Amino acid sequence: MTVLPDPFVSVVIPTYQRPEALGRCVASLVAQDYPQDRFEVIVVDDGGASHLANLVATHSTLRLRLLAVPHGGPGAARNRGVAAASGEILAFIDDDCTADVHWLSALVAQLGQQQDGVIGGMVANADPGNSYVRASHTLLAFLYRYYHVERRGRLPFFTTNNLGVRTDVFERVGGFDASFAFASEDRDWSDRCLHRGHPLVYAPDALVWHASMLSLAGFARLHFRYGGGAWRFHRVRARRRGHRAGVESFDFYSGMLRAPFVGGDPQPMRQSLLLIASQAVAALGYLWSALRHRVRTARQDGAREGFARD
């Protein structure tokens, strides 16, 4: 009986100014239980000033390539990595994440069952002592649980720091929209997958650990940026689908605020308040983006009217 080889996988990592974290990420790929001769690692330096040339020499056992692009955000960097990939499967992870030893095997196994699907794995918090990081991860874990379990698989997006897809499916859907420079490119790409009939399949066994250092100011900036990205995403989605997305139910928000208590967080009240703050700051980001668009449109209309009078 002929034994078919394991599918060849291209792992794409966008990176920007985090050489130490990137080194830990790549080291976790060295430790994968997936055969090393059946995957390559493509690191795309998104215009950073860090020197990464030693990375290839340090991890000489890997098929590791380093590409450089002008700074344009992670979506554009991932697209460049995909363009250079030779695998029949694409796996995405971020430079501030480390992969569980079974990560690639779990993604590939799930894609063997759902060849036209998009596989998203579990993203666990590698810094539980940081309350701001913990709040962001509590929110993400709630979203995955709410849509995948309570809504029976109606998960609307996966984050791109733990994602697997067949290359032919990616090509049919198209790359990440680089105009979402630093937020919501994952939501837009996931929505395009769903729109084209490719299901989003959650694979909790495909685990990565996310280590993000956040202060209060960083927490606020992150969620403000999420809000701005959400505004752009909802406009693009409405044009694609012909209607606007509805507002989430009261159960959604009440469930989100209960999540720290249900999950056994050591500071559930503080975490619940941080979740409220995240949504308030995101709303400000959403409104700020809408206002900027309105002002910009008014100026353009005024300039056109002035040109017409002249």
Protein backbone atom coordinates (compact mmCIF):
# COMPACT_ATOMS: atom_id res chain seq x y z
CA MET A 1 0.00 0.00 0.00
CA THR A 2 1.34 3.42 -0.98
CA VAL A 3 1.54 5.87 1.92
CA LEU A 4 0.94 9.43 0.79
CA PRO A 5 3.30 12.07 2.23
CA ASP A 6 2.02 14.66 4.66
CA PRO A 7 0.78 17.82 2.91
CA PHE A 8 3.45 20.48 2.48
CA VAL A 9 2.67 23.54 4.62
CA SER A 10 3.85 27.14 4.31
CA VAL A 11 3.87 28.96 7.66
CA VAL A 12 3.66 32.74 7.19
CA ILE A 13 4.76 35.11 9.97
CA PRO A 14 4.48 38.90 9.57
CA THR A 15 6.80 40.74 11.94
CA TYR A 16 7.55 44.32 12.94
CA GLN A 17 10.15 45.43 15.48
CA ARG A 18 9.88 42.37 17.76
CA PRO A 19 13.03 40.32 17.13
CA GLU A 20 13.08 38.60 20.53
CA ALA A 21 9.44 37.56 20.31
CA LEU A 22 9.97 36.43 16.72
CA GLY A 23 12.86 34.24 17.84
CA ARG A 24 10.62 32.51 20.38
CA CYS A 25 7.93 32.03 17.74
CA VAL A 26 10.31 30.42 15.27
CA ALA A 27 11.82 28.25 18.03
CA SER A 28 8.34 26.87 18.75
CA LEU A 29 8.09 25.84 15.09
CA VAL A 30 11.35 23.93 15.36
CA ALA A 31 9.69 21.86 18.11
CA GLN A 32 6.62 20.90 16.03
CA ASP A 33 5.75 17.21 15.84
CA TYR A 34 4.92 17.74 12.15
CA PRO A 35 7.79 16.50 9.90
CA GLN A 36 10.26 19.33 9.34
CA ASP A 37 10.79 18.35 5.72
CA ARG A 38 7.06 18.91 5.10
CA PHE A 39 6.83 22.58 6.00
CA GLU A 40 8.57 25.88 5.34
CA VAL A 41 8.57 29.09 7.36
CA ILE A 42 8.32 32.46 5.61
CA VAL A 43 9.04 35.48 7.82
CA VAL A 44 7.97 38.80 6.30
CA ASP A 45 9.66 41.84 7.84
CA ASP A 46 7.08 44.64 7.60
CA GLY A 47 9.54 47.52 7.19
CA GLY A 48 11.11 47.17 10.63
CA ALA A 49 14.55 48.44 11.60
CA SER A 50 15.53 45.27 13.47
CA HIS A 51 18.30 43.08 12.04
CA LEU A 52 16.87 39.62 11.42
CA ALA A 53 19.54 38.03 9.25
CA ASN A 54 20.84 35.89 12.13
CA LEU A 55 17.42 34.27 12.44
CA VAL A 56 18.05 32.01 9.46
CA ALA A 57 21.45 30.88 10.72
CA THR A 58 20.16 30.27 14.24
CA HIS A 59 17.40 27.94 13.01
CA SER A 60 19.28 26.17 10.25
CA THR A 61 17.22 22.98 10.59
CA LEU A 62 14.15 24.77 9.25
CA ARG A 63 13.30 25.70 5.69
CA LEU A 64 13.26 29.35 6.67
CA ARG A 65 13.09 32.36 4.37
CA LEU A 66 13.21 36.03 5.30
CA LEU A 67 11.46 38.60 3.10
CA ALA A 68 11.33 42.38 3.53
CA VAL A 69 8.53 44.73 2.47
CA PRO A 70 7.81 48.45 3.06
CA HIS A 71 5.80 49.07 6.20
CA GLY A 72 2.16 48.53 5.26
CA GLY A 73 0.60 46.50 8.05
CA PRO A 74 0.26 42.79 8.72
CA GLY A 75 -2.29 42.11 5.98
CA ALA A 76 0.03 43.31 3.23
CA ALA A 77 2.93 41.40 4.82
CA ARG A 78 0.91 38.17 4.89
CA ASN A 79 -0.02 38.62 1.23
CA ARG A 80 3.67 38.92 0.34
CA GLY A 81 4.41 35.76 2.28
CA VAL A 82 1.63 33.87 0.50
CA ALA A 83 2.95 35.03 -2.88
CA ALA A 84 6.28 33.37 -2.04
CA ALA A 85 4.75 30.21 -0.54
CA SER A 86 5.03 26.80 -2.16
CA GLY A 87 2.82 24.80 0.22
CA GLU A 88 -0.58 23.33 -0.56
CA ILE A 89 -1.63 24.50 2.91
CA LEU A 90 -1.08 27.94 4.44
CA ALA A 91 -0.72 28.42 8.20
CA PHE A 92 -0.61 31.88 9.77
CA ILE A 93 0.86 32.81 13.14
CA ASP A 94 2.07 36.16 14.51
CA ASP A 95 5.51 37.05 15.80
CA ASP A 96 4.27 37.52 19.39
CA CYS A 97 2.84 33.99 19.52
CA THR A 98 4.36 30.59 20.20
CA ALA A 99 2.88 27.40 18.82
CA ASP A 100 1.99 24.30 20.80
CA VAL A 101 4.00 21.29 19.67
CA HIS A 102 0.89 19.78 17.98
CA TRP A 103 -0.22 23.03 16.32
CA LEU A 104 0.57 22.24 12.70
CA SER A 105 -0.57 18.63 13.00
CA ALA A 106 -3.93 19.75 14.40
CA LEU A 107 -4.49 22.31 11.63
CA VAL A 108 -3.57 19.83 8.90
CA ALA A 109 -5.75 17.08 10.40
CA GLN A 110 -8.77 19.40 10.52
CA LEU A 111 -8.16 20.55 6.94
CA GLY A 112 -8.13 16.91 5.91
CA GLN A 113 -11.76 16.75 7.05
CA GLN A 114 -12.80 20.24 5.87
CA GLN A 115 -10.83 20.83 2.69
CA ASP A 116 -12.91 23.80 1.59
CA GLY A 117 -12.99 25.30 5.09
CA VAL A 118 -10.94 27.83 7.02
CA ILE A 119 -9.54 26.51 10.29
CA GLY A 120 -9.06 28.72 13.32
CA GLY A 121 -7.35 27.46 16.43
CA MET A 122 -7.37 28.46 20.07
CA VAL A 123 -5.39 31.53 21.14
CA ALA A 124 -4.39 31.27 24.80
CA ASN A 125 -3.00 34.02 27.01
CA ALA A 126 0.71 33.64 27.76
CA ASP A 127 0.69 36.53 30.25
CA PRO A 128 -2.13 35.90 32.77
CA GLY A 129 -0.62 38.33 35.27
CA ASN A 130 -1.36 41.35 33.05
CA SER A 131 -4.98 42.37 33.64
CA TYR A 132 -5.22 44.32 30.37
CA VAL A 133 -4.01 41.36 28.33
CA ARG A 134 -6.31 39.10 30.32
CA ALA A 135 -9.31 41.28 29.52
CA SER A 136 -8.55 41.24 25.79
CA HIS A 137 -8.21 37.45 25.85
CA THR A 138 -11.37 37.06 27.91
CA LEU A 139 -13.22 39.01 25.22
CA LEU A 140 -11.78 36.86 22.42
CA ALA A 141 -12.50 33.60 24.28
CA PHE A 142 -16.07 34.77 24.89
CA LEU A 143 -16.57 35.55 21.19
CA TYR A 144 -15.32 32.12 20.15
CA ARG A 145 -17.46 30.37 22.76
CA TYR A 146 -20.56 32.47 22.09
CA TYR A 147 -20.56 31.98 18.32
CA HIS A 148 -19.14 28.48 18.10
CA VAL A 149 -21.00 26.83 20.98
CA GLU A 150 -24.03 28.94 21.85
CA ARG A 151 -24.74 29.93 18.24
CA ARG A 152 -23.87 26.43 16.96
CA GLY A 153 -21.03 27.24 14.63
CA ARG A 154 -22.01 30.75 13.51
CA LEU A 155 -18.54 32.07 14.16
CA PRO A 156 -18.12 35.23 12.02
CA PHE A 157 -14.34 35.51 12.04
CA PHE A 158 -11.00 34.08 13.12
CA THR A 159 -7.99 36.06 14.24
CA THR A 160 -5.06 35.69 11.86
CA ASN A 161 -2.53 34.74 14.54
CA ASN A 162 -3.83 31.15 14.39
CA LEU A 163 -5.27 30.22 11.03
CA GLY A 164 -5.02 27.43 8.47
CA VAL A 165 -6.41 27.24 4.93
CA ARG A 166 -5.66 25.40 1.71
CA THR A 167 -3.76 27.55 -0.75
CA ASP A 168 -6.34 27.08 -3.50
CA VAL A 169 -9.11 28.29 -1.17
CA PHE A 170 -7.04 31.35 -0.23
CA GLU A 171 -6.51 32.12 -3.91
CA ARG A 172 -10.24 31.86 -4.63
CA VAL A 173 -11.11 34.19 -1.76
CA GLY A 174 -8.26 36.59 -2.47
CA GLY A 175 -5.66 38.06 -0.16
CA PHE A 176 -6.07 40.27 2.87
CA ASP A 177 -7.30 43.79 2.11
CA ALA A 178 -4.22 45.92 2.80
CA SER A 179 -6.37 49.05 3.20
CA PHE A 180 -7.25 47.64 6.63
CA ALA A 181 -3.77 48.69 7.64
CA PHE A 182 -3.71 47.66 11.30
CA ALA A 183 -7.13 46.31 12.36
CA SER A 184 -10.06 44.21 11.12
CA GLU A 185 -8.36 42.70 8.07
CA ASP A 186 -9.10 39.35 9.71
CA ARG A 187 -12.81 40.13 10.00
CA ASP A 188 -13.00 41.27 6.39
CA TRP A 189 -11.16 38.22 5.06
CA SER A 190 -13.24 35.83 7.18
CA ASP A 191 -16.44 37.45 5.93
CA ARG A 192 -15.31 37.04 2.33
CA CYS A 193 -14.68 33.35 3.03
CA LEU A 194 -18.20 32.92 4.39
CA HIS A 195 -19.64 34.92 1.51
CA ARG A 196 -18.00 32.50 -0.95
CA GLY A 197 -19.28 29.44 0.91
CA HIS A 198 -16.15 28.44 2.84
CA PRO A 199 -17.08 27.53 6.42
CA LEU A 200 -15.11 28.74 9.44
CA VAL A 201 -14.24 25.69 11.51
CA TYR A 202 -12.96 26.03 15.07
CA ALA A 203 -10.15 23.63 16.06
CA PRO A 204 -9.33 24.14 19.77
CA ASP A 205 -6.58 21.49 19.58
CA ALA A 206 -4.60 23.83 17.31
CA LEU A 207 -3.21 25.96 20.11
CA VAL A 208 -0.97 29.01 20.12
CA TRP A 209 0.09 31.13 23.07
CA HIS A 210 -0.13 34.90 22.65
CA ALA A 211 2.27 37.08 24.67
CA SER A 212 1.23 40.72 24.44
CA MET A 213 2.61 43.39 26.77
CA LEU A 214 -0.16 45.92 27.40
CA SER A 215 -0.39 48.97 29.65
CA LEU A 216 -3.60 50.89 30.25
CA ALA A 217 -2.68 53.27 27.43
CA GLY A 218 -1.85 50.36 25.13
CA PHE A 219 -5.14 48.68 26.00
CA ALA A 220 -7.03 51.87 25.12
CA ARG A 221 -5.12 52.34 21.84
CA LEU A 222 -5.73 48.72 20.85
CA HIS A 223 -9.49 48.84 21.32
CA PHE A 224 -9.80 52.34 19.82
CA ARG A 225 -8.08 50.93 16.73
CA TYR A 226 -10.43 47.93 16.77
CA GLY A 227 -13.37 50.34 16.76
CA GLY A 228 -12.01 52.25 13.77
CA GLY A 229 -11.39 49.01 11.93
CA ALA A 230 -14.92 47.84 12.75
CA TRP A 231 -16.39 50.99 11.19
CA ARG A 232 -14.51 50.37 7.94
CA PHE A 233 -15.36 46.67 8.01
CA HIS A 234 -19.11 47.31 8.38
CA ARG A 235 -19.08 49.71 5.42
CA VAL A 236 -17.20 47.25 3.20
CA ARG A 237 -19.38 44.35 4.35
CA ALA A 238 -22.59 46.28 3.62
CA ARG A 239 -21.43 46.95 0.04
CA ARG A 240 -20.53 43.28 -0.42
CA ARG A 241 -23.70 41.81 1.03
CA GLY A 242 -26.19 44.55 0.23
CA HIS A 243 -27.27 45.11 3.84
CA ARG A 244 -25.84 46.22 7.15
CA ALA A 245 -25.04 43.82 9.97
CA GLY A 246 -27.52 43.86 12.84
CA VAL A 247 -26.79 44.96 16.39
CA GLU A 248 -25.96 42.18 18.85
CA SER A 249 -28.60 41.14 21.36
CA PHE A 250 -28.74 41.99 25.05
CA ASP A 251 -27.74 38.37 25.78
CA PHE A 252 -24.49 38.92 23.92
CA TYR A 253 -23.42 41.90 26.03
CA SER A 254 -24.65 40.48 29.31
CA GLY A 255 -22.81 37.24 28.54
CA MET A 256 -19.65 39.18 27.79
CA LEU A 257 -19.80 40.98 31.15
CA ARG A 258 -20.41 37.69 32.97
CA ALA A 259 -17.48 35.98 31.23
CA PRO A 260 -14.84 36.85 33.89
CA PHE A 261 -17.09 35.45 36.63
CA VAL A 262 -17.92 32.28 34.68
CA GLY A 263 -14.29 31.75 33.71
CA GLY A 264 -12.99 31.95 37.27
CA ASP A 265 -10.88 35.09 36.83
CA PRO A 266 -9.15 36.10 40.10
CA GLN A 267 -10.40 39.69 39.68
CA PRO A 268 -13.79 39.25 37.97
CA MET A 269 -15.20 42.68 38.82
CA ARG A 270 -12.11 44.50 37.58
CA GLN A 271 -12.12 42.39 34.41
CA SER A 272 -15.79 43.06 33.79
CA LEU A 273 -15.15 46.80 34.13
CA LEU A 274 -12.24 46.53 31.69
CA LEU A 275 -14.54 44.78 29.22
CA ILE A 276 -17.00 47.67 29.54
CA ALA A 277 -14.12 50.09 28.98
CA SER A 278 -12.96 48.15 25.90
CA GLN A 279 -16.40 48.46 24.33
CA ALA A 280 -16.67 52.15 25.20
CA VAL A 281 -13.25 52.92 23.70
CA ALA A 282 -14.05 50.83 20.62
CA ALA A 283 -17.28 52.82 20.20
CA LEU A 284 -15.25 56.04 20.33
CA GLY A 285 -12.93 54.66 17.65
CA TYR A 286 -15.92 53.72 15.53
CA LEU A 287 -17.49 57.20 15.88
CA TRP A 288 -14.17 58.95 15.28
CA SER A 289 -13.66 57.07 12.02
CA ALA A 290 -17.22 57.84 10.93
CA LEU A 291 -16.72 61.55 11.73
CA ARG A 292 -13.41 61.71 9.87
CA HIS A 293 -15.05 60.13 6.84
CA ARG A 294 -17.93 62.61 6.97
CA VAL A 295 -15.59 65.60 7.23
CA ARG A 296 -13.38 64.28 4.42
CA THR A 297 -16.42 63.70 2.19
CA ALA A 298 -17.77 67.20 2.91
CA ARG A 299 -14.44 68.75 1.96
CA GLN A 300 -14.29 66.76 -1.27
CA ASP A 301 -17.87 67.75 -2.14
CA GLY A 302 -17.03 71.39 -1.41
CA ALA A 303 -13.94 71.24 -3.61
CA ARG A 304 -15.95 69.72 -6.47
CA GLU A 305 -18.65 72.41 -6.15
CA GLY A 306 -15.99 75.13 -6.20
CA PHE A 307 -14.39 73.62 -9.28
CA ALA A 308 -17.79 73.44 -11.01
CA ARG A 309 -18.47 77.16 -10.30
CA ASP A 310 -15.07 78.10 -11.68
